[in-house]
Amino acid sequence: MKQIHFDPTDQEAMNKLMDEHGDSKMMYPGTNENGEEVYISIFNEKIVTSTLQSNGWTRKNIYYRDGSREEMYEK
């Protein structure tokens, strides 16, 4: 499986991921620095990360090509 390196502070790198993998139909699994499961979905105009937090909540971050962002939580 291809490994994706994702840095939400690097807009240029995120745009490059959208250019290279925007048509991907798969989610890329991984872990964050806290050992929590993270799933990354890459679309042409956004990247969506879903983090299964250790507190039982799921945090969803959406990073758009234009630099705007959203953050949501689900129980």
PDB file of N, CA and C in Angstrom:
ATOM      1  N   MET A   1       0.842  -1.177   0.000  1.00  0.00           N
ATOM      2  CA  MET A   1       0.000   0.000   0.000  1.00  0.00           C
ATOM      3  C   MET A   1       0.887   1.241   0.000  1.00  0.00           C
ATOM      4  N   LYS A   2       0.514   2.219  -0.768  1.00  0.00           N
ATOM      5  CA  LYS A   2       1.266   3.470  -0.856  1.00  0.00           C
ATOM      6  C   LYS A   2       1.162   4.234   0.455  1.00  0.00           C
ATOM      7  N   GLN A   3       2.275   4.810   0.863  1.00  0.00           N
ATOM      8  CA  GLN A   3       2.310   5.593   2.091  1.00  0.00           C
ATOM      9  C   GLN A   3       2.188   7.069   1.733  1.00  0.00           C
ATOM     10  N   ILE A   4       1.309   7.771   2.461  1.00  0.00           N
ATOM     11  CA  ILE A   4       1.091   9.201   2.255  1.00  0.00           C
ATOM     12  C   ILE A   4       1.658   9.943   3.452  1.00  0.00           C
ATOM     13  N   HIS A   5       2.454  10.962   3.193  1.00  0.00           N
ATOM     14  CA  HIS A   5       2.948  11.835   4.255  1.00  0.00           C
ATOM     15  C   HIS A   5       2.104  13.094   4.212  1.00  0.00           C
ATOM     16  N   PHE A   6       1.448  13.403   5.323  1.00  0.00           N
ATOM     17  CA  PHE A   6       0.490  14.501   5.356  1.00  0.00           C
ATOM     18  C   PHE A   6       0.884  15.500   6.432  1.00  0.00           C
ATOM     19  N   ASP A   7       1.049  16.757   6.048  1.00  0.00           N
ATOM     20  CA  ASP A   7       1.359  17.844   6.971  1.00  0.00           C
ATOM     21  C   ASP A   7       0.325  18.939   6.754  1.00  0.00           C
ATOM     22  N   PRO A   8      -0.641  19.094   7.683  1.00  0.00           N
ATOM     23  CA  PRO A   8      -1.711  20.075   7.487  1.00  0.00           C
ATOM     24  C   PRO A   8      -1.239  21.521   7.572  1.00  0.00           C
ATOM     25  N   THR A   9       0.030  21.754   7.889  1.00  0.00           N
ATOM     26  CA  THR A   9       0.545  23.124   7.923  1.00  0.00           C
ATOM     27  C   THR A   9       1.223  23.505   6.605  1.00  0.00           C
ATOM     28  N   ASP A  10       1.326  22.579   5.673  1.00  0.00           N
ATOM     29  CA  ASP A  10       2.011  22.815   4.399  1.00  0.00           C
ATOM     30  C   ASP A  10       1.003  22.798   3.258  1.00  0.00           C
ATOM     31  N   GLN A  11       0.439  23.965   2.945  1.00  0.00           N
ATOM     32  CA  GLN A  11      -0.601  24.066   1.916  1.00  0.00           C
ATOM     33  C   GLN A  11      -0.089  23.619   0.554  1.00  0.00           C
ATOM     34  N   GLU A  12       1.139  23.975   0.213  1.00  0.00           N
ATOM     35  CA  GLU A  12       1.697  23.586  -1.082  1.00  0.00           C
ATOM     36  C   GLU A  12       1.766  22.070  -1.214  1.00  0.00           C
ATOM     37  N   ALA A  13       2.208  21.390  -0.156  1.00  0.00           N
ATOM     38  CA  ALA A  13       2.282  19.928  -0.187  1.00  0.00           C
ATOM     39  C   ALA A  13       0.886  19.307  -0.251  1.00  0.00           C
ATOM     40  N   MET A  14      -0.071  19.912   0.445  1.00  0.00           N
ATOM     41  CA  MET A  14      -1.446  19.385   0.380  1.00  0.00           C
ATOM     42  C   MET A  14      -2.012  19.536  -1.022  1.00  0.00           C
ATOM     43  N   ASN A  15      -1.770  20.671  -1.670  1.00  0.00           N
ATOM     44  CA  ASN A  15      -2.250  20.858  -3.042  1.00  0.00           C
ATOM     45  C   ASN A  15      -1.607  19.844  -3.981  1.00  0.00           C
ATOM     46  N   LYS A  16      -0.343  19.531  -3.739  1.00  0.00           N
ATOM     47  CA  LYS A  16       0.338  18.524  -4.555  1.00  0.00           C
ATOM     48  C   LYS A  16      -0.310  17.147  -4.364  1.00  0.00           C
ATOM     49  N   LEU A  17      -0.655  16.798  -3.117  1.00  0.00           N
ATOM     50  CA  LEU A  17      -1.365  15.539  -2.863  1.00  0.00           C
ATOM     51  C   LEU A  17      -2.696  15.508  -3.607  1.00  0.00           C
ATOM     52  N   MET A  18      -3.428  16.635  -3.596  1.00  0.00           N
ATOM     53  CA  MET A  18      -4.713  16.696  -4.314  1.00  0.00           C
ATOM     54  C   MET A  18      -4.502  16.509  -5.809  1.00  0.00           C
ATOM     55  N   ASP A  19      -3.434  17.107  -6.345  1.00  0.00           N
ATOM     56  CA  ASP A  19      -3.133  16.962  -7.776  1.00  0.00           C
ATOM     57  C   ASP A  19      -2.787  15.516  -8.124  1.00  0.00           C
ATOM     58  N   GLU A  20      -1.996  14.864  -7.272  1.00  0.00           N
ATOM     59  CA  GLU A  20      -1.508  13.515  -7.572  1.00  0.00           C
ATOM     60  C   GLU A  20      -2.493  12.407  -7.220  1.00  0.00           C
ATOM     61  N   HIS A  21      -3.326  12.617  -6.189  1.00  0.00           N
ATOM     62  CA  HIS A  21      -4.177  11.534  -5.691  1.00  0.00           C
ATOM     63  C   HIS A  21      -5.655  11.916  -5.605  1.00  0.00           C
ATOM     64  N   GLY A  22      -6.045  13.033  -6.212  1.00  0.00           N
ATOM     65  CA  GLY A  22      -7.407  13.532  -6.094  1.00  0.00           C
ATOM     66  C   GLY A  22      -8.480  12.604  -6.625  1.00  0.00           C
ATOM     67  N   ASP A  23      -8.125  11.719  -7.513  1.00  0.00           N
ATOM     68  CA  ASP A  23      -9.102  10.781  -8.075  1.00  0.00           C
ATOM     69  C   ASP A  23      -9.107   9.446  -7.341  1.00  0.00           C
ATOM     70  N   SER A  24      -8.344   9.352  -6.265  1.00  0.00           N
ATOM     71  CA  SER A  24      -8.255   8.103  -5.507  1.00  0.00           C
ATOM     72  C   SER A  24      -9.586   7.767  -4.857  1.00  0.00           C
ATOM     73  N   LYS A  25      -9.933   6.525  -4.877  1.00  0.00           N
ATOM     74  CA  LYS A  25     -11.186   6.085  -4.268  1.00  0.00           C
ATOM     75  C   LYS A  25     -10.937   5.353  -2.960  1.00  0.00           C
ATOM     76  N   MET A  26      -9.712   5.451  -2.445  1.00  0.00           N
ATOM     77  CA  MET A  26      -9.388   4.732  -1.221  1.00  0.00           C
ATOM     78  C   MET A  26      -9.050   5.704  -0.094  1.00  0.00           C
ATOM     79  N   MET A  27      -9.207   5.222   1.112  1.00  0.00           N
ATOM     80  CA  MET A  27      -8.779   5.962   2.289  1.00  0.00           C
ATOM     81  C   MET A  27      -7.402   5.427   2.677  1.00  0.00           C
ATOM     82  N   TYR A  28      -6.540   6.320   3.104  1.00  0.00           N
ATOM     83  CA  TYR A  28      -5.197   5.949   3.524  1.00  0.00           C
ATOM     84  C   TYR A  28      -5.165   5.904   5.049  1.00  0.00           C
ATOM     85  N   PRO A  29      -4.919   4.734   5.639  1.00  0.00           N
ATOM     86  CA  PRO A  29      -4.880   4.629   7.100  1.00  0.00           C
ATOM     87  C   PRO A  29      -3.504   4.991   7.642  1.00  0.00           C
ATOM     88  N   GLY A  30      -3.480   5.380   8.900  1.00  0.00           N
ATOM     89  CA  GLY A  30      -2.218   5.672   9.562  1.00  0.00           C
ATOM     90  C   GLY A  30      -2.448   5.961  11.030  1.00  0.00           C
ATOM     91  N   THR A  31      -1.419   6.444  11.670  1.00  0.00           N
ATOM     92  CA  THR A  31      -1.515   6.851  13.068  1.00  0.00           C
ATOM     93  C   THR A  31      -0.868   8.226  13.214  1.00  0.00           C
ATOM     94  N   ASN A  32      -1.351   8.965  14.214  1.00  0.00           N
ATOM     95  CA  ASN A  32      -0.767  10.274  14.473  1.00  0.00           C
ATOM     96  C   ASN A  32       0.245  10.186  15.606  1.00  0.00           C
ATOM     97  N   GLU A  33       0.769  11.330  16.001  1.00  0.00           N
ATOM     98  CA  GLU A  33       1.801  11.374  17.042  1.00  0.00           C
ATOM     99  C   GLU A  33       1.290  10.914  18.403  1.00  0.00           C
ATOM    100  N   ASN A  34      -0.045  10.844  18.578  1.00  0.00           N
ATOM    101  CA  ASN A  34      -0.646  10.376  19.833  1.00  0.00           C
ATOM    102  C   ASN A  34      -1.011   8.892  19.785  1.00  0.00           C
ATOM    103  N   GLY A  35      -0.675   8.223  18.683  1.00  0.00           N
ATOM    104  CA  GLY A  35      -0.991   6.805  18.540  1.00  0.00           C
ATOM    105  C   GLY A  35      -2.438   6.538  18.163  1.00  0.00           C
ATOM    106  N   GLU A  36      -3.176   7.580  17.748  1.00  0.00           N
ATOM    107  CA  GLU A  36      -4.585   7.424  17.367  1.00  0.00           C
ATOM    108  C   GLU A  36      -4.677   7.053  15.883  1.00  0.00           C
ATOM    109  N   GLU A  37      -5.700   6.269  15.545  1.00  0.00           N
ATOM    110  CA  GLU A  37      -5.917   5.894  14.151  1.00  0.00           C
ATOM    111  C   GLU A  37      -6.395   7.110  13.362  1.00  0.00           C
ATOM    112  N   VAL A  38      -5.834   7.282  12.171  1.00  0.00           N
ATOM    113  CA  VAL A  38      -6.201   8.381  11.288  1.00  0.00           C
ATOM    114  C   VAL A  38      -6.463   7.809   9.901  1.00  0.00           C
ATOM    115  N   TYR A  39      -7.525   8.290   9.260  1.00  0.00           N
ATOM    116  CA  TYR A  39      -7.846   7.908   7.888  1.00  0.00           C
ATOM    117  C   TYR A  39      -7.877   9.171   7.044  1.00  0.00           C
ATOM    118  N   ILE A  40      -7.166   9.155   5.924  1.00  0.00           N
ATOM    119  CA  ILE A  40      -7.068  10.315   5.048  1.00  0.00           C
ATOM    120  C   ILE A  40      -7.723   9.983   3.715  1.00  0.00           C
ATOM    121  N   SER A  41      -8.644  10.851   3.293  1.00  0.00           N
ATOM    122  CA  SER A  41      -9.277  10.750   1.978  1.00  0.00           C
ATOM    123  C   SER A  41      -8.870  11.974   1.180  1.00  0.00           C
ATOM    124  N   ILE A  42      -8.420  11.757  -0.048  1.00  0.00           N
ATOM    125  CA  ILE A  42      -7.925  12.852  -0.879  1.00  0.00           C
ATOM    126  C   ILE A  42      -8.840  13.008  -2.088  1.00  0.00           C
ATOM    127  N   PHE A  43      -9.326  14.218  -2.262  1.00  0.00           N
ATOM    128  CA  PHE A  43     -10.192  14.572  -3.387  1.00  0.00           C
ATOM    129  C   PHE A  43      -9.501  15.670  -4.198  1.00  0.00           C
ATOM    130  N   ASN A  44     -10.058  16.032  -5.329  1.00  0.00           N
ATOM    131  CA  ASN A  44      -9.456  17.065  -6.171  1.00  0.00           C
ATOM    132  C   ASN A  44      -9.410  18.431  -5.496  1.00  0.00           C
ATOM    133  N   GLU A  45     -10.389  18.754  -4.666  1.00  0.00           N
ATOM    134  CA  GLU A  45     -10.470  20.081  -4.059  1.00  0.00           C
ATOM    135  C   GLU A  45     -10.339  20.099  -2.547  1.00  0.00           C
ATOM    136  N   LYS A  46     -10.135  18.913  -1.917  1.00  0.00           N
ATOM    137  CA  LYS A  46     -10.017  18.885  -0.458  1.00  0.00           C
ATOM    138  C   LYS A  46      -9.359  17.597   0.008  1.00  0.00           C
ATOM    139  N   ILE A  47      -8.870  17.643   1.244  1.00  0.00           N
ATOM    140  CA  ILE A  47      -8.363  16.464   1.947  1.00  0.00           C
ATOM    141  C   ILE A  47      -9.156  16.364   3.236  1.00  0.00           C
ATOM    142  N   VAL A  48      -9.660  15.167   3.514  1.00  0.00           N
ATOM    143  CA  VAL A  48     -10.452  14.940   4.723  1.00  0.00           C
ATOM    144  C   VAL A  48      -9.700  13.952   5.606  1.00  0.00           C
ATOM    145  N   THR A  49      -9.483  14.331   6.858  1.00  0.00           N
ATOM    146  CA  THR A  49      -8.877  13.407   7.809  1.00  0.00           C
ATOM    147  C   THR A  49      -9.905  13.080   8.883  1.00  0.00           C
ATOM    148  N   SER A  50      -9.996  11.825   9.229  1.00  0.00           N
ATOM    149  CA  SER A  50     -10.844  11.366  10.326  1.00  0.00           C
ATOM    150  C   SER A  50      -9.931  10.720  11.356  1.00  0.00           C
ATOM    151  N   THR A  51      -9.950  11.271  12.558  1.00  0.00           N
ATOM    152  CA  THR A  51      -9.088  10.778  13.634  1.00  0.00           C
ATOM    153  C   THR A  51      -9.951  10.136  14.703  1.00  0.00           C
ATOM    154  N   LEU A  52      -9.696   8.861  14.988  1.00  0.00           N
ATOM    155  CA  LEU A  52     -10.412   8.153  16.048  1.00  0.00           C
ATOM    156  C   LEU A  52      -9.660   8.440  17.349  1.00  0.00           C
ATOM    157  N   GLN A  53     -10.132   9.462  18.061  1.00  0.00           N
ATOM    158  CA  GLN A  53      -9.431   9.945  19.239  1.00  0.00           C
ATOM    159  C   GLN A  53      -9.548   8.981  20.410  1.00  0.00           C
ATOM    160  N   SER A  54      -8.569   9.014  21.278  1.00  0.00           N
ATOM    161  CA  SER A  54      -8.557   8.120  22.440  1.00  0.00           C
ATOM    162  C   SER A  54      -9.678   8.421  23.424  1.00  0.00           C
ATOM    163  N   ASN A  55     -10.310   9.593  23.327  1.00  0.00           N
ATOM    164  CA  ASN A  55     -11.420   9.942  24.219  1.00  0.00           C
ATOM    165  C   ASN A  55     -12.775   9.438  23.709  1.00  0.00           C
ATOM    166  N   GLY A  56     -12.776   8.685  22.606  1.00  0.00           N
ATOM    167  CA  GLY A  56     -14.015   8.129  22.076  1.00  0.00           C
ATOM    168  C   GLY A  56     -14.670   8.968  20.988  1.00  0.00           C
ATOM    169  N   TRP A  57     -14.197  10.173  20.778  1.00  0.00           N
ATOM    170  CA  TRP A  57     -14.743  11.044  19.743  1.00  0.00           C
ATOM    171  C   TRP A  57     -13.983  10.830  18.436  1.00  0.00           C
ATOM    172  N   THR A  58     -14.648  11.141  17.319  1.00  0.00           N
ATOM    173  CA  THR A  58     -13.994  11.165  16.018  1.00  0.00           C
ATOM    174  C   THR A  58     -13.896  12.621  15.585  1.00  0.00           C
ATOM    175  N   ARG A  59     -12.683  13.063  15.316  1.00  0.00           N
ATOM    176  CA  ARG A  59     -12.464  14.429  14.829  1.00  0.00           C
ATOM    177  C   ARG A  59     -12.295  14.365  13.322  1.00  0.00           C
ATOM    178  N   LYS A  60     -13.045  15.196  12.624  1.00  0.00           N
ATOM    179  CA  LYS A  60     -12.964  15.268  11.165  1.00  0.00           C
ATOM    180  C   LYS A  60     -12.447  16.657  10.795  1.00  0.00           C
ATOM    181  N   ASN A  61     -11.315  16.677  10.083  1.00  0.00           N
ATOM    182  CA  ASN A  61     -10.756  17.925   9.583  1.00  0.00           C
ATOM    183  C   ASN A  61     -10.836  17.913   8.072  1.00  0.00           C
ATOM    184  N   ILE A  62     -11.265  19.038   7.504  1.00  0.00           N
ATOM    185  CA  ILE A  62     -11.342  19.182   6.057  1.00  0.00           C
ATOM    186  C   ILE A  62     -10.441  20.340   5.661  1.00  0.00           C
ATOM    187  N   TYR A  63      -9.514  20.065   4.756  1.00  0.00           N
ATOM    188  CA  TYR A  63      -8.544  21.054   4.279  1.00  0.00           C
ATOM    189  C   TYR A  63      -8.822  21.290   2.797  1.00  0.00           C
ATOM    190  N   TYR A  64      -9.216  22.499   2.458  1.00  0.00           N
ATOM    191  CA  TYR A  64      -9.576  22.834   1.080  1.00  0.00           C
ATOM    192  C   TYR A  64      -8.380  23.397   0.319  1.00  0.00           C
ATOM    193  N   ARG A  65      -8.432  23.245  -0.985  1.00  0.00           N
ATOM    194  CA  ARG A  65      -7.362  23.707  -1.862  1.00  0.00           C
ATOM    195  C   ARG A  65      -7.091  25.202  -1.704  1.00  0.00           C
ATOM    196  N   ASP A  66      -8.127  25.984  -1.402  1.00  0.00           N
ATOM    197  CA  ASP A  66      -7.952  27.435  -1.274  1.00  0.00           C
ATOM    198  C   ASP A  66      -7.377  27.853   0.084  1.00  0.00           C
ATOM    199  N   GLY A  67      -7.089  26.881   0.957  1.00  0.00           N
ATOM    200  CA  GLY A  67      -6.503  27.182   2.260  1.00  0.00           C
ATOM    201  C   GLY A  67      -7.500  27.239   3.408  1.00  0.00           C
ATOM    202  N   SER A  68      -8.798  27.226   3.103  1.00  0.00           N
ATOM    203  CA  SER A  68      -9.794  27.231   4.191  1.00  0.00           C
ATOM    204  C   SER A  68      -9.868  25.845   4.821  1.00  0.00           C
ATOM    205  N   ARG A  69     -10.387  25.815   6.071  1.00  0.00           N
ATOM    206  CA  ARG A  69     -10.411  24.574   6.839  1.00  0.00           C
ATOM    207  C   ARG A  69     -11.690  24.482   7.656  1.00  0.00           C
ATOM    208  N   GLU A  70     -12.066  23.250   7.970  1.00  0.00           N
ATOM    209  CA  GLU A  70     -13.188  22.972   8.861  1.00  0.00           C
ATOM    210  C   GLU A  70     -12.773  21.900   9.838  1.00  0.00           C
ATOM    211  N   GLU A  71     -13.381  21.911  11.038  1.00  0.00           N
ATOM    212  CA  GLU A  71     -13.142  20.869  12.017  1.00  0.00           C
ATOM    213  C   GLU A  71     -14.472  20.520  12.670  1.00  0.00           C
ATOM    214  N   MET A  72     -14.777  19.228  12.751  1.00  0.00           N
ATOM    215  CA  MET A  72     -16.034  18.745  13.331  1.00  0.00           C
ATOM    216  C   MET A  72     -15.739  17.577  14.252  1.00  0.00           C
ATOM    217  N   TYR A  73     -16.637  17.341  15.189  1.00  0.00           N
ATOM    218  CA  TYR A  73     -16.496  16.215  16.111  1.00  0.00           C
ATOM    219  C   TYR A  73     -17.770  15.387  16.113  1.00  0.00           C
ATOM    220  N   GLU A  74     -17.606  14.066  16.172  1.00  0.00           N
ATOM    221  CA  GLU A  74     -18.738  13.147  16.222  1.00  0.00           C
ATOM    222  C   GLU A  74     -18.491  12.162  17.363  1.00  0.00           C
ATOM    223  N   LYS A  75     -19.529  11.792  18.034  1.00  0.00           N
ATOM    224  CA  LYS A  75     -19.430  10.803  19.117  1.00  0.00           C
ATOM    225  C   LYS A  75     -19.802   9.451  18.582  1.00  0.00           C
TER     226      LYS A  75
END
